[in-house]
Amino acid sequence: MKTLLIIDMQQAWLDNPASPCFDTDHVVHRINHAARHIRAQGGTVLFVQHANADAPLGSRAWQTIPGLEQAATDGVVHKLAADAFAATDLAARLDAIGTSTLYISGFATEFCVDAAVRAASSRGLQVVALSDAHTTADRPHLAAPAIVAHHNWVWAGLPVPAGSSLAVRTTAEAFPG
């Protein structure tokens, strides 16, 4: 079973003119493309949503950005830390649905997306980081495109435990057509 994680693509962080994210419109298009493919193959799409003082659970800021297509069959995982596996039911859900390959996308590349890639890779999963379906904003020390490129490079060479795999693929490579 294939599962797509869509991490923290929420209004609090992506609907922020003071700190625009890199390539957001194209990232959203690619995530929607991946989600349509996953659903068509009978897989599962899980939206991971972070709650904190800037995005209280259930608030407008906590909501997923409007451009993302959500289906009634998609799940939601609520989290309070960068790692989507920490103090959530994500691992149990992935086990219950029989996830064989986990595709990871979303926001913010250097925080929650990176934490999910590393945590999933340490849990015996076959992980695919979608290299063009994650985003972040410029930081004081580094521009967003460089952050995205750096993390794609790191993940491509990251050693993972036996029984796990980690690949970095564009959305078109992972979901042709």
C-alpha atoms as a PDB file:
ATOM      1  CA  MET A   1       0.000   0.000   0.000  1.00  0.00           C
ATOM      2  CA  LYS A   2       1.247   3.474  -0.903  1.00  0.00           C
ATOM      3  CA  THR A   3       0.684   6.399   1.436  1.00  0.00           C
ATOM      4  CA  LEU A   4       1.266  10.110   0.863  1.00  0.00           C
ATOM      5  CA  LEU A   5       1.988  12.403   3.811  1.00  0.00           C
ATOM      6  CA  ILE A   6       1.152  16.058   3.245  1.00  0.00           C
ATOM      7  CA  ILE A   7       2.828  17.851   6.106  1.00  0.00           C
ATOM      8  CA  ASP A   8       1.759  21.206   7.576  1.00  0.00           C
ATOM      9  CA  MET A   9       0.439  22.800   4.381  1.00  0.00           C
ATOM     10  CA  GLN A  10      -1.606  25.116   6.594  1.00  0.00           C
ATOM     11  CA  GLN A  11      -2.785  28.690   6.370  1.00  0.00           C
ATOM     12  CA  ALA A  12      -0.712  29.829   9.357  1.00  0.00           C
ATOM     13  CA  TRP A  13       2.492  29.248   7.433  1.00  0.00           C
ATOM     14  CA  LEU A  14       1.626  29.369   3.742  1.00  0.00           C
ATOM     15  CA  ASP A  15      -0.813  32.274   3.795  1.00  0.00           C
ATOM     16  CA  ASN A  16       1.778  34.673   5.194  1.00  0.00           C
ATOM     17  CA  PRO A  17       2.735  37.584   2.888  1.00  0.00           C
ATOM     18  CA  ALA A  18       5.495  38.648   5.307  1.00  0.00           C
ATOM     19  CA  SER A  19       7.279  35.322   4.818  1.00  0.00           C
ATOM     20  CA  PRO A  20       6.358  33.826   1.440  1.00  0.00           C
ATOM     21  CA  CYS A  21       7.302  30.245   0.730  1.00  0.00           C
ATOM     22  CA  PHE A  22       9.334  29.096  -2.239  1.00  0.00           C
ATOM     23  CA  ASP A  23       7.430  27.909  -5.329  1.00  0.00           C
ATOM     24  CA  THR A  24       4.179  27.403  -3.397  1.00  0.00           C
ATOM     25  CA  ASP A  25       1.815  27.274  -6.370  1.00  0.00           C
ATOM     26  CA  HIS A  26       3.908  24.629  -8.137  1.00  0.00           C
ATOM     27  CA  VAL A  27       4.412  22.658  -4.917  1.00  0.00           C
ATOM     28  CA  VAL A  28       0.642  22.591  -4.359  1.00  0.00           C
ATOM     29  CA  HIS A  29       0.104  21.458  -7.971  1.00  0.00           C
ATOM     30  CA  ARG A  30       2.642  18.635  -7.525  1.00  0.00           C
ATOM     31  CA  ILE A  31       1.155  17.521  -4.201  1.00  0.00           C
ATOM     32  CA  ASN A  32      -2.314  17.419  -5.787  1.00  0.00           C
ATOM     33  CA  HIS A  33      -0.872  15.363  -8.676  1.00  0.00           C
ATOM     34  CA  ALA A  34       0.711  12.890  -6.244  1.00  0.00           C
ATOM     35  CA  ALA A  35      -2.479  12.670  -4.163  1.00  0.00           C
ATOM     36  CA  ARG A  36      -4.632  11.950  -7.225  1.00  0.00           C
ATOM     37  CA  HIS A  37      -2.254   9.129  -8.232  1.00  0.00           C
ATOM     38  CA  ILE A  38      -2.166   7.652  -4.727  1.00  0.00           C
ATOM     39  CA  ARG A  39      -5.962   7.693  -4.448  1.00  0.00           C
ATOM     40  CA  ALA A  40      -6.381   6.193  -7.963  1.00  0.00           C
ATOM     41  CA  GLN A  41      -4.089   3.299  -6.956  1.00  0.00           C
ATOM     42  CA  GLY A  42      -6.125   2.627  -3.808  1.00  0.00           C
ATOM     43  CA  GLY A  43      -3.549   4.220  -1.531  1.00  0.00           C
ATOM     44  CA  THR A  44      -3.998   6.562   1.409  1.00  0.00           C
ATOM     45  CA  VAL A  45      -3.464  10.314   1.691  1.00  0.00           C
ATOM     46  CA  LEU A  46      -2.785  11.683   5.169  1.00  0.00           C
ATOM     47  CA  PHE A  47      -2.747  15.381   5.969  1.00  0.00           C
ATOM     48  CA  VAL A  48      -0.500  16.119   8.937  1.00  0.00           C
ATOM     49  CA  GLN A  49      -1.503  19.324  10.715  1.00  0.00           C
ATOM     50  CA  HIS A  50       0.526  21.085  13.372  1.00  0.00           C
ATOM     51  CA  ALA A  51      -1.213  22.879  16.224  1.00  0.00           C
ATOM     52  CA  ASN A  52       0.436  25.571  18.345  1.00  0.00           C
ATOM     53  CA  ALA A  53      -0.193  29.145  19.539  1.00  0.00           C
ATOM     54  CA  ASP A  54      -0.019  30.435  15.931  1.00  0.00           C
ATOM     55  CA  ALA A  55      -2.375  27.716  14.671  1.00  0.00           C
ATOM     56  CA  PRO A  56      -4.724  26.536  17.433  1.00  0.00           C
ATOM     57  CA  LEU A  57      -6.517  23.278  16.650  1.00  0.00           C
ATOM     58  CA  GLY A  58      -9.592  23.983  14.533  1.00  0.00           C
ATOM     59  CA  SER A  59      -8.779  27.656  13.896  1.00  0.00           C
ATOM     60  CA  ARG A  60      -8.622  29.255  10.443  1.00  0.00           C
ATOM     61  CA  ALA A  61      -4.816  29.376  10.705  1.00  0.00           C
ATOM     62  CA  TRP A  62      -4.754  25.628  11.448  1.00  0.00           C
ATOM     63  CA  GLN A  63      -6.759  24.798   8.295  1.00  0.00           C
ATOM     64  CA  THR A  64      -5.085  23.362   5.216  1.00  0.00           C
ATOM     65  CA  ILE A  65      -4.538  25.925   2.458  1.00  0.00           C
ATOM     66  CA  PRO A  66      -7.460  26.067   0.029  1.00  0.00           C
ATOM     67  CA  GLY A  67      -5.469  25.024  -3.074  1.00  0.00           C
ATOM     68  CA  LEU A  68      -4.918  21.491  -1.819  1.00  0.00           C
ATOM     69  CA  GLU A  69      -7.472  18.945  -2.953  1.00  0.00           C
ATOM     70  CA  GLN A  70      -8.871  16.894  -0.083  1.00  0.00           C
ATOM     71  CA  ALA A  71     -11.047  13.810  -0.477  1.00  0.00           C
ATOM     72  CA  ALA A  72     -13.492  12.423   2.060  1.00  0.00           C
ATOM     73  CA  THR A  73     -11.266   9.323   2.304  1.00  0.00           C
ATOM     74  CA  ASP A  74      -8.161  11.304   3.326  1.00  0.00           C
ATOM     75  CA  GLY A  75      -7.025  11.132   6.923  1.00  0.00           C
ATOM     76  CA  VAL A  76      -5.728  13.796   9.283  1.00  0.00           C
ATOM     77  CA  VAL A  77      -2.965  13.432  11.860  1.00  0.00           C
ATOM     78  CA  HIS A  78      -2.731  16.123  14.546  1.00  0.00           C
ATOM     79  CA  LYS A  79       0.730  16.876  15.884  1.00  0.00           C
ATOM     80  CA  LEU A  80       2.358  19.195  18.398  1.00  0.00           C
ATOM     81  CA  ALA A  81       6.041  18.680  17.506  1.00  0.00           C
ATOM     82  CA  ALA A  82       8.146  18.766  14.341  1.00  0.00           C
ATOM     83  CA  ASP A  83       8.230  14.953  14.169  1.00  0.00           C
ATOM     84  CA  ALA A  84       4.874  13.704  12.862  1.00  0.00           C
ATOM     85  CA  PHE A  85       5.525  10.382  14.634  1.00  0.00           C
ATOM     86  CA  ALA A  86       6.086  11.947  18.093  1.00  0.00           C
ATOM     87  CA  ALA A  87       3.073  11.509  20.393  1.00  0.00           C
ATOM     88  CA  THR A  88       0.726  10.784  17.453  1.00  0.00           C
ATOM     89  CA  ASP A  89      -0.948   7.695  16.056  1.00  0.00           C
ATOM     90  CA  LEU A  90       0.869   8.001  12.700  1.00  0.00           C
ATOM     91  CA  ALA A  91       3.001   4.854  13.067  1.00  0.00           C
ATOM     92  CA  ALA A  92      -0.025   2.790  14.123  1.00  0.00           C
ATOM     93  CA  ARG A  93      -2.073   4.134  11.211  1.00  0.00           C
ATOM     94  CA  LEU A  94       0.664   3.301   8.708  1.00  0.00           C
ATOM     95  CA  ASP A  95       0.874  -0.221  10.148  1.00  0.00           C
ATOM     96  CA  ALA A  96      -2.911  -0.653  10.111  1.00  0.00           C
ATOM     97  CA  ILE A  97      -3.215   0.297   6.439  1.00  0.00           C
ATOM     98  CA  GLY A  98      -0.204  -1.803   5.507  1.00  0.00           C
ATOM     99  CA  THR A  99       1.944   1.014   4.136  1.00  0.00           C
ATOM    100  CA  SER A 100       4.757  -0.358   2.000  1.00  0.00           C
ATOM    101  CA  THR A 101       5.907   2.940   0.480  1.00  0.00           C
ATOM    102  CA  LEU A 102       5.598   6.322   2.179  1.00  0.00           C
ATOM    103  CA  TYR A 103       5.806   9.460   0.033  1.00  0.00           C
ATOM    104  CA  ILE A 104       6.560  12.677   1.921  1.00  0.00           C
ATOM    105  CA  SER A 105       5.696  16.249   0.917  1.00  0.00           C
ATOM    106  CA  GLY A 106       4.827  19.534   2.575  1.00  0.00           C
ATOM    107  CA  PHE A 107       6.144  22.395   4.702  1.00  0.00           C
ATOM    108  CA  ALA A 108       8.730  23.273   6.193  1.00  0.00           C
ATOM    109  CA  THR A 109      11.570  21.498   4.465  1.00  0.00           C
ATOM    110  CA  GLU A 110      14.149  21.990   7.214  1.00  0.00           C
ATOM    111  CA  PHE A 111      11.813  21.333  10.128  1.00  0.00           C
ATOM    112  CA  CYS A 112       8.776  19.089   9.886  1.00  0.00           C
ATOM    113  CA  VAL A 113       9.448  17.541   6.472  1.00  0.00           C
ATOM    114  CA  ASP A 114      13.034  16.677   7.422  1.00  0.00           C
ATOM    115  CA  ALA A 115      11.896  15.254  10.762  1.00  0.00           C
ATOM    116  CA  ALA A 116       9.327  13.042   9.013  1.00  0.00           C
ATOM    117  CA  VAL A 117      11.804  11.804   6.400  1.00  0.00           C
ATOM    118  CA  ARG A 118      14.310  10.829   9.080  1.00  0.00           C
ATOM    119  CA  ALA A 119      11.772   9.314  11.483  1.00  0.00           C
ATOM    120  CA  ALA A 120      10.057   7.270   8.770  1.00  0.00           C
ATOM    121  CA  SER A 121      13.396   6.033   7.441  1.00  0.00           C
ATOM    122  CA  SER A 122      14.301   4.798  10.914  1.00  0.00           C
ATOM    123  CA  ARG A 123      11.088   2.762  11.185  1.00  0.00           C
ATOM    124  CA  GLY A 124      11.701   0.204   8.452  1.00  0.00           C
ATOM    125  CA  LEU A 125       9.653   2.030   5.838  1.00  0.00           C
ATOM    126  CA  GLN A 126      10.374   2.487   2.154  1.00  0.00           C
ATOM    127  CA  VAL A 127      10.435   6.285   2.007  1.00  0.00           C
ATOM    128  CA  VAL A 128      10.301   8.548  -1.030  1.00  0.00           C
ATOM    129  CA  ALA A 129      10.969  12.238  -0.421  1.00  0.00           C
ATOM    130  CA  LEU A 130       9.265  14.142  -3.228  1.00  0.00           C
ATOM    131  CA  SER A 131      12.063  16.556  -4.118  1.00  0.00           C
ATOM    132  CA  ASP A 132       9.835  19.156  -5.771  1.00  0.00           C
ATOM    133  CA  ALA A 133       6.825  18.868  -3.451  1.00  0.00           C
ATOM    134  CA  HIS A 134       8.176  20.452  -0.280  1.00  0.00           C
ATOM    135  CA  THR A 135       8.769  24.088   0.502  1.00  0.00           C
ATOM    136  CA  THR A 136       9.948  26.615   3.043  1.00  0.00           C
ATOM    137  CA  ALA A 137      10.533  30.346   3.384  1.00  0.00           C
ATOM    138  CA  ASP A 138      13.793  32.256   3.231  1.00  0.00           C
ATOM    139  CA  ARG A 139      15.680  32.175   6.514  1.00  0.00           C
ATOM    140  CA  PRO A 140      18.143  34.793   7.826  1.00  0.00           C
ATOM    141  CA  HIS A 141      21.117  32.640   6.866  1.00  0.00           C
ATOM    142  CA  LEU A 142      19.888  30.868   3.704  1.00  0.00           C
ATOM    143  CA  ALA A 143      17.384  31.373   0.880  1.00  0.00           C
ATOM    144  CA  ALA A 144      14.519  28.890   0.539  1.00  0.00           C
ATOM    145  CA  PRO A 145      15.672  27.376  -2.801  1.00  0.00           C
ATOM    146  CA  ALA A 146      19.043  26.558  -1.223  1.00  0.00           C
ATOM    147  CA  ILE A 147      17.356  24.985   1.807  1.00  0.00           C
ATOM    148  CA  VAL A 148      15.242  22.765  -0.462  1.00  0.00           C
ATOM    149  CA  ALA A 149      18.258  21.795  -2.601  1.00  0.00           C
ATOM    150  CA  HIS A 150      20.396  21.096   0.467  1.00  0.00           C
ATOM    151  CA  HIS A 151      17.833  18.799   2.058  1.00  0.00           C
ATOM    152  CA  ASN A 152      17.250  16.904  -1.188  1.00  0.00           C
ATOM    153  CA  TRP A 153      21.021  16.349  -1.356  1.00  0.00           C
ATOM    154  CA  VAL A 154      21.235  15.240   2.290  1.00  0.00           C
ATOM    155  CA  TRP A 155      18.320  12.814   1.982  1.00  0.00           C
ATOM    156  CA  ALA A 156      19.783  11.306  -1.209  1.00  0.00           C
ATOM    157  CA  GLY A 157      22.880  10.267   0.732  1.00  0.00           C
ATOM    158  CA  LEU A 158      21.427   9.632   4.181  1.00  0.00           C
ATOM    159  CA  PRO A 159      22.289   6.156   5.512  1.00  0.00           C
ATOM    160  CA  VAL A 160      19.189   4.337   6.766  1.00  0.00           C
ATOM    161  CA  PRO A 161      18.820   1.118   8.776  1.00  0.00           C
ATOM    162  CA  ALA A 162      18.596  -2.280   7.136  1.00  0.00           C
ATOM    163  CA  GLY A 163      15.066  -2.975   5.983  1.00  0.00           C
ATOM    164  CA  SER A 164      14.422   0.699   5.209  1.00  0.00           C
ATOM    165  CA  SER A 165      15.086   2.687   2.076  1.00  0.00           C
ATOM    166  CA  LEU A 166      15.135   6.371   1.275  1.00  0.00           C
ATOM    167  CA  ALA A 167      14.860   7.689  -2.268  1.00  0.00           C
ATOM    168  CA  VAL A 168      14.586  11.259  -3.489  1.00  0.00           C
ATOM    169  CA  ARG A 169      12.422  11.579  -6.593  1.00  0.00           C
ATOM    170  CA  THR A 170      10.602  14.351  -8.399  1.00  0.00           C
ATOM    171  CA  THR A 171       6.841  14.053  -8.426  1.00  0.00           C
ATOM    172  CA  ALA A 172       6.944  13.240 -12.166  1.00  0.00           C
ATOM    173  CA  GLU A 173       9.452  10.422 -11.546  1.00  0.00           C
ATOM    174  CA  ALA A 174       7.358   8.970  -8.732  1.00  0.00           C
ATOM    175  CA  PHE A 175       3.991   9.471 -10.455  1.00  0.00           C
ATOM    176  CA  PRO A 176       4.444   9.634 -14.238  1.00  0.00           C
ATOM    177  CA  GLY A 177       1.603  10.791 -16.413  1.00  0.00           C
END
